[in-house]
Amino acid sequence: MEKLAQVKLREAGQTILFSYQEEEKAPAAAAAEPARSRIKIGDYCIVEADRGNDYGHVVSCALNIADKTQEEPIRKIIRQASANDLKQIDENKIKAKEASSSCQNKIREHKLNMKLIDCEYSFDRGKIIFYFTAESRIDFRELVKDLAKIFKARIELRQIGVRDEARLSGGFGVCGRQLCCASFLKDFEPVMIKMAKEQGLPLNPPKISGLCGRLMCCLSYEYATYTELSKGLPREGEHVNIDAETGKVVSVNKLKRCCMVQFEDGRQVKKEYK
């Protein structure tokens, strides 16, 4: 049966849908034949690329063809990565570090105002991708020519943003855990300041910004819950009635769906909402 799997190309590439054949065997046949490992989340695999083969790791699998959302043709997973494949992937990572050093020298030689962030080889070493950041558009045509002569491979220079830079560089957030973008996030979702306001967080940029300098991705995780729980609750500063008395809301607890109301004589009363 044909299934779909989301595969994150290399270590820093896109997450793309690939198809694969999920074998279905009768119990008797399964007992007679040696068991084959099925594709599962976390597995490295070899996939079809635009030219040649590439590698990646599975982030989700066993999706039905009916779940397909992208319009472009779906390429196939060729096989699960073998021990030799994994050895070549490790060798490619070592060669990538050497390529980064050569590229950095050429950047200085051409006096280009760009910052090299990372480098990756495709599985078959037919393509090398260099990731960089820059404040403006860079004319790197001569740089590409020099790199192609050195490595005898297709060269791709890909400009990335500060959030991608943080994902590639890695690190730890203020929570003490590994950055979400470097561990499990597949794509970047829009994060807005109103998400912090809805959750009652201090609007102090250093406290709600990640290592990339942008608003932390985790601000969006509980936003929908806070939005739902805040329905029907008053806001701080509003006036509400309690037992025929009018008071001012001084604090709101959205998770417990209650607020503290202060009257003119200084008394404070908790008002709860269903």
Protein backbone atom coordinates (compact mmCIF):
# COMPACT_ATOMS: atom_id res chain seq x y z
CA MET A 1 0.00 0.00 0.00
CA GLU A 2 1.33 3.42 -0.94
CA LYS A 3 1.72 5.83 1.98
CA LEU A 4 3.16 9.29 2.52
CA ALA A 5 5.86 10.41 4.93
CA GLN A 6 7.16 13.85 5.81
CA VAL A 7 10.93 13.89 5.51
CA LYS A 8 13.23 16.69 6.66
CA LEU A 9 15.97 16.87 4.05
CA ARG A 10 19.51 16.65 5.40
CA GLU A 11 19.86 18.53 8.71
CA ALA A 12 18.68 21.98 7.67
CA GLY A 13 16.57 21.43 4.57
CA GLN A 14 12.85 21.65 3.98
CA THR A 15 10.28 19.17 5.27
CA ILE A 16 8.70 17.56 2.19
CA LEU A 17 6.20 14.79 1.49
CA PHE A 18 7.57 11.57 -0.03
CA SER A 19 5.76 8.39 -0.94
CA TYR A 20 6.74 4.85 0.03
CA GLN A 21 5.29 1.36 -0.12
CA GLU A 22 4.01 -0.02 3.15
CA GLU A 23 4.01 -3.80 2.89
CA GLU A 24 0.99 -5.75 4.03
CA LYS A 25 1.49 -9.45 4.73
CA ALA A 26 -0.80 -12.19 5.84
CA PRO A 27 0.12 -13.66 9.26
CA ALA A 28 1.26 -16.96 7.73
CA ALA A 29 3.45 -15.25 5.15
CA ALA A 30 4.88 -12.94 7.76
CA ALA A 31 5.91 -15.93 9.88
CA ALA A 32 7.57 -17.68 6.94
CA GLU A 33 9.61 -14.66 5.78
CA PRO A 34 12.20 -12.68 7.71
CA ALA A 35 10.75 -9.49 9.17
CA ARG A 36 11.54 -6.22 7.41
CA SER A 37 11.77 -3.03 9.35
CA ARG A 38 9.09 -0.52 8.50
CA ILE A 39 9.65 3.19 8.09
CA LYS A 40 9.12 5.00 11.38
CA ILE A 41 9.61 8.46 12.81
CA GLY A 42 13.28 9.31 13.31
CA ASP A 43 14.57 6.92 10.63
CA TYR A 44 17.12 8.21 8.16
CA CYS A 45 16.26 7.38 4.57
CA ILE A 46 17.51 7.91 1.04
CA VAL A 47 15.12 9.87 -1.19
CA GLU A 48 14.80 11.04 -4.77
CA ALA A 49 16.08 14.58 -5.35
CA ASP A 50 15.87 16.97 -8.30
CA ARG A 51 19.20 15.55 -9.49
CA GLY A 52 20.46 12.32 -7.98
CA ASN A 53 19.72 11.18 -4.44
CA ASP A 54 19.57 12.93 -1.12
CA TYR A 55 18.93 11.94 2.49
CA GLY A 56 16.74 13.04 5.37
CA HIS A 57 14.98 11.82 8.48
CA VAL A 58 11.30 10.97 8.86
CA VAL A 59 9.28 13.39 11.00
CA SER A 60 5.87 11.76 10.39
CA CYS A 61 4.75 8.72 8.44
CA ALA A 62 1.86 6.41 7.51
CA LEU A 63 -0.09 9.32 6.04
CA ASN A 64 -2.77 8.46 3.48
CA ILE A 65 -2.52 9.64 -0.10
CA ALA A 66 -5.83 11.44 0.47
CA ASP A 67 -4.04 13.65 3.02
CA LYS A 68 -1.83 15.12 0.29
CA THR A 69 -1.97 18.90 0.28
CA GLN A 70 0.89 19.94 -1.99
CA GLU A 71 0.36 20.25 -5.74
CA GLU A 72 3.85 19.40 -7.03
CA PRO A 73 4.67 15.77 -7.95
CA ILE A 74 5.62 13.58 -5.01
CA ARG A 75 9.03 11.91 -5.13
CA LYS A 76 9.74 8.54 -3.56
CA ILE A 77 11.66 7.24 -0.59
CA ILE A 78 14.17 4.90 -2.19
CA ARG A 79 15.14 2.99 0.96
CA GLN A 80 15.85 3.21 4.63
CA ALA A 81 19.44 4.28 5.25
CA SER A 82 21.78 1.32 5.67
CA ALA A 83 24.92 1.25 7.82
CA ASN A 84 26.98 2.23 4.76
CA ASP A 85 24.56 5.07 4.00
CA LEU A 86 24.87 6.42 7.54
CA LYS A 87 28.66 6.18 7.28
CA GLN A 88 28.58 8.25 4.08
CA ILE A 89 26.29 10.82 5.74
CA ASP A 90 28.79 11.20 8.58
CA GLU A 91 31.63 11.56 6.07
CA ASN A 92 29.63 14.22 4.24
CA LYS A 93 29.31 16.22 7.46
CA ILE A 94 33.09 16.15 7.90
CA LYS A 95 33.61 17.25 4.28
CA ALA A 96 31.04 20.02 4.81
CA LYS A 97 33.18 21.54 7.57
CA GLU A 98 36.15 21.58 5.20
CA ALA A 99 33.98 23.16 2.49
CA SER A 100 32.81 25.84 4.95
CA SER A 101 36.41 26.81 5.64
CA SER A 102 37.19 27.11 1.91
CA CYS A 103 34.03 29.12 1.30
CA GLN A 104 34.83 31.48 4.17
CA ASN A 105 38.24 32.17 2.67
CA LYS A 106 36.69 32.94 -0.70
CA ILE A 107 34.12 35.27 0.90
CA ARG A 108 36.97 37.27 2.43
CA GLU A 109 38.86 37.19 -0.86
CA HIS A 110 35.87 38.66 -2.73
CA LYS A 111 35.17 41.09 0.15
CA LEU A 112 31.50 40.12 0.32
CA ASN A 113 29.39 41.48 3.17
CA MET A 114 27.82 38.15 4.11
CA LYS A 115 27.99 35.78 7.08
CA LEU A 116 28.37 32.06 6.36
CA ILE A 117 26.17 30.05 8.75
CA ASP A 118 26.30 26.42 7.65
CA CYS A 119 27.12 24.06 4.81
CA GLU A 120 25.62 20.74 3.69
CA TYR A 121 26.43 18.09 1.10
CA SER A 122 23.69 16.20 -0.69
CA PHE A 123 23.89 12.45 -0.10
CA ASP A 124 25.57 11.71 -3.45
CA ARG A 125 27.86 14.75 -3.06
CA GLY A 126 26.61 16.15 -6.34
CA LYS A 127 25.47 19.39 -4.67
CA ILE A 128 26.76 21.59 -1.86
CA ILE A 129 24.46 24.08 -0.14
CA PHE A 130 25.91 27.08 1.71
CA TYR A 131 23.58 28.96 4.07
CA PHE A 132 24.34 32.62 4.78
CA THR A 133 22.84 35.80 6.19
CA ALA A 134 23.28 39.31 4.82
CA GLU A 135 21.71 42.71 5.43
CA SER A 136 21.25 43.34 1.72
CA ARG A 137 21.29 41.54 -1.60
CA ILE A 138 24.64 39.98 -2.46
CA ASP A 139 26.12 39.43 -5.93
CA PHE A 140 27.85 36.10 -5.35
CA ARG A 141 28.18 34.93 -8.95
CA GLU A 142 31.98 35.01 -8.94
CA LEU A 143 32.02 33.24 -5.58
CA VAL A 144 29.86 30.43 -7.00
CA LYS A 145 32.22 30.04 -9.97
CA ASP A 146 35.25 29.73 -7.68
CA LEU A 147 33.53 27.21 -5.42
CA ALA A 148 32.39 25.11 -8.40
CA LYS A 149 36.00 24.92 -9.63
CA ILE A 150 37.23 23.84 -6.20
CA PHE A 151 34.61 21.19 -5.41
CA LYS A 152 33.53 20.04 -8.91
CA ALA A 153 29.90 20.00 -7.78
CA ARG A 154 26.73 22.06 -8.09
CA ILE A 155 26.87 25.02 -5.73
CA GLU A 156 23.83 26.59 -4.10
CA LEU A 157 24.10 29.69 -1.91
CA ARG A 158 20.91 30.14 0.10
CA GLN A 159 20.22 33.34 2.03
CA ILE A 160 18.32 32.73 5.26
CA GLY A 161 16.72 34.87 7.98
CA VAL A 162 17.59 35.26 11.64
CA ARG A 163 15.10 32.59 12.75
CA ASP A 164 16.67 30.05 10.39
CA GLU A 165 20.09 31.09 11.65
CA ALA A 166 19.03 30.25 15.21
CA ARG A 167 17.65 26.90 14.06
CA LEU A 168 20.92 25.98 12.34
CA SER A 169 23.17 27.28 15.11
CA GLY A 170 21.13 25.74 17.92
CA GLY A 171 21.27 26.68 21.58
CA PHE A 172 19.08 26.87 24.68
CA GLY A 173 16.17 29.14 25.46
CA VAL A 174 15.36 30.98 28.69
CA CYS A 175 13.41 27.86 29.75
CA GLY A 176 16.65 25.88 29.82
CA ARG A 177 15.57 23.54 27.04
CA GLN A 178 16.95 23.16 23.54
CA LEU A 179 15.51 25.68 21.09
CA CYS A 180 12.15 24.53 19.70
CA CYS A 181 13.21 25.45 16.16
CA ALA A 182 16.33 23.30 16.46
CA SER A 183 14.57 20.28 17.96
CA PHE A 184 11.01 19.63 16.80
CA LEU A 185 9.41 22.55 14.92
CA LYS A 186 8.83 21.75 11.24
CA ASP A 187 7.88 25.24 10.10
CA PHE A 188 7.82 28.73 11.54
CA GLU A 189 4.38 30.02 12.43
CA PRO A 190 3.58 33.76 12.69
CA VAL A 191 4.06 35.07 16.23
CA MET A 192 2.43 38.39 17.22
CA ILE A 193 2.75 40.67 20.22
CA LYS A 194 -0.96 40.25 20.97
CA MET A 195 -0.21 36.63 21.92
CA ALA A 196 1.93 37.86 24.80
CA LYS A 197 -0.73 40.41 25.79
CA GLU A 198 -3.47 37.76 25.82
CA GLN A 199 -1.40 35.61 28.20
CA GLY A 200 -0.64 38.50 30.52
CA LEU A 201 3.12 38.35 29.91
CA PRO A 202 5.35 41.38 30.51
CA LEU A 203 5.87 43.24 27.23
CA ASN A 204 9.60 43.50 27.83
CA PRO A 205 11.42 42.59 24.58
CA PRO A 206 14.33 40.72 26.25
CA LYS A 207 11.87 38.54 28.19
CA ILE A 208 9.66 37.53 25.25
CA SER A 209 12.30 37.33 22.51
CA GLY A 210 14.32 34.28 21.52
CA LEU A 211 18.00 33.99 20.62
CA CYS A 212 17.10 35.13 17.11
CA GLY A 213 15.86 38.46 18.45
CA ARG A 214 12.31 37.76 17.29
CA LEU A 215 9.29 36.91 19.44
CA MET A 216 9.61 33.43 20.94
CA CYS A 217 7.82 30.69 19.00
CA CYS A 218 6.37 29.27 22.22
CA LEU A 219 4.16 32.35 22.63
CA SER A 220 1.81 30.73 20.12
CA TYR A 221 1.51 27.37 21.89
CA GLU A 222 -1.14 28.36 24.47
CA TYR A 223 -2.58 31.36 22.67
CA ALA A 224 -5.68 29.51 21.46
CA THR A 225 -6.38 28.20 24.98
CA TYR A 226 -6.04 31.64 26.56
CA THR A 227 -8.26 33.14 23.85
CA GLU A 228 -10.97 30.57 24.54
CA LEU A 229 -10.75 30.91 28.33
CA SER A 230 -10.90 34.71 28.17
CA LYS A 231 -14.36 34.71 26.57
CA GLY A 232 -16.87 36.35 28.90
CA LEU A 233 -14.20 37.63 31.29
CA PRO A 234 -13.81 41.35 32.03
CA ARG A 235 -10.53 43.13 31.44
CA GLU A 236 -8.45 44.92 34.05
CA GLY A 237 -9.81 48.41 34.65
CA GLU A 238 -13.41 47.54 33.78
CA HIS A 239 -16.23 47.97 36.29
CA VAL A 240 -18.47 45.05 37.26
CA ASN A 241 -21.39 44.57 39.63
CA ILE A 242 -21.33 42.21 42.62
CA ASP A 243 -24.37 42.07 44.89
CA ALA A 244 -25.62 45.48 43.73
CA GLU A 245 -22.20 47.05 44.32
CA THR A 246 -19.95 48.31 41.55
CA GLY A 247 -16.22 47.68 41.70
CA LYS A 248 -13.15 47.91 39.53
CA VAL A 249 -11.39 44.82 38.16
CA VAL A 250 -7.78 44.89 39.40
CA SER A 251 -6.61 41.46 38.19
CA VAL A 252 -7.84 38.61 35.99
CA ASN A 253 -6.89 34.91 36.13
CA LYS A 254 -7.91 33.45 32.80
CA LEU A 255 -6.88 29.89 33.64
CA LYS A 256 -9.10 29.82 36.74
CA ARG A 257 -11.69 32.09 35.07
CA CYS A 258 -11.97 34.53 37.92
CA CYS A 259 -11.07 38.13 38.70
CA MET A 260 -10.44 40.33 41.73
CA VAL A 261 -12.76 43.30 42.12
CA GLN A 262 -11.91 46.27 44.34
CA PHE A 263 -14.55 48.58 45.78
CA GLU A 264 -14.21 52.23 46.74
CA ASP A 265 -13.67 51.38 50.41
CA GLY A 266 -10.63 49.24 49.50
CA ARG A 267 -12.31 45.84 49.92
CA GLN A 268 -11.40 43.18 47.33
CA VAL A 269 -13.71 40.34 46.35
CA LYS A 270 -13.06 37.43 44.01
CA LYS A 271 -15.64 36.97 41.29
CA GLU A 272 -15.77 33.59 39.53
CA TYR A 273 -17.13 32.78 36.07
CA LYS A 274 -18.39 29.45 34.80
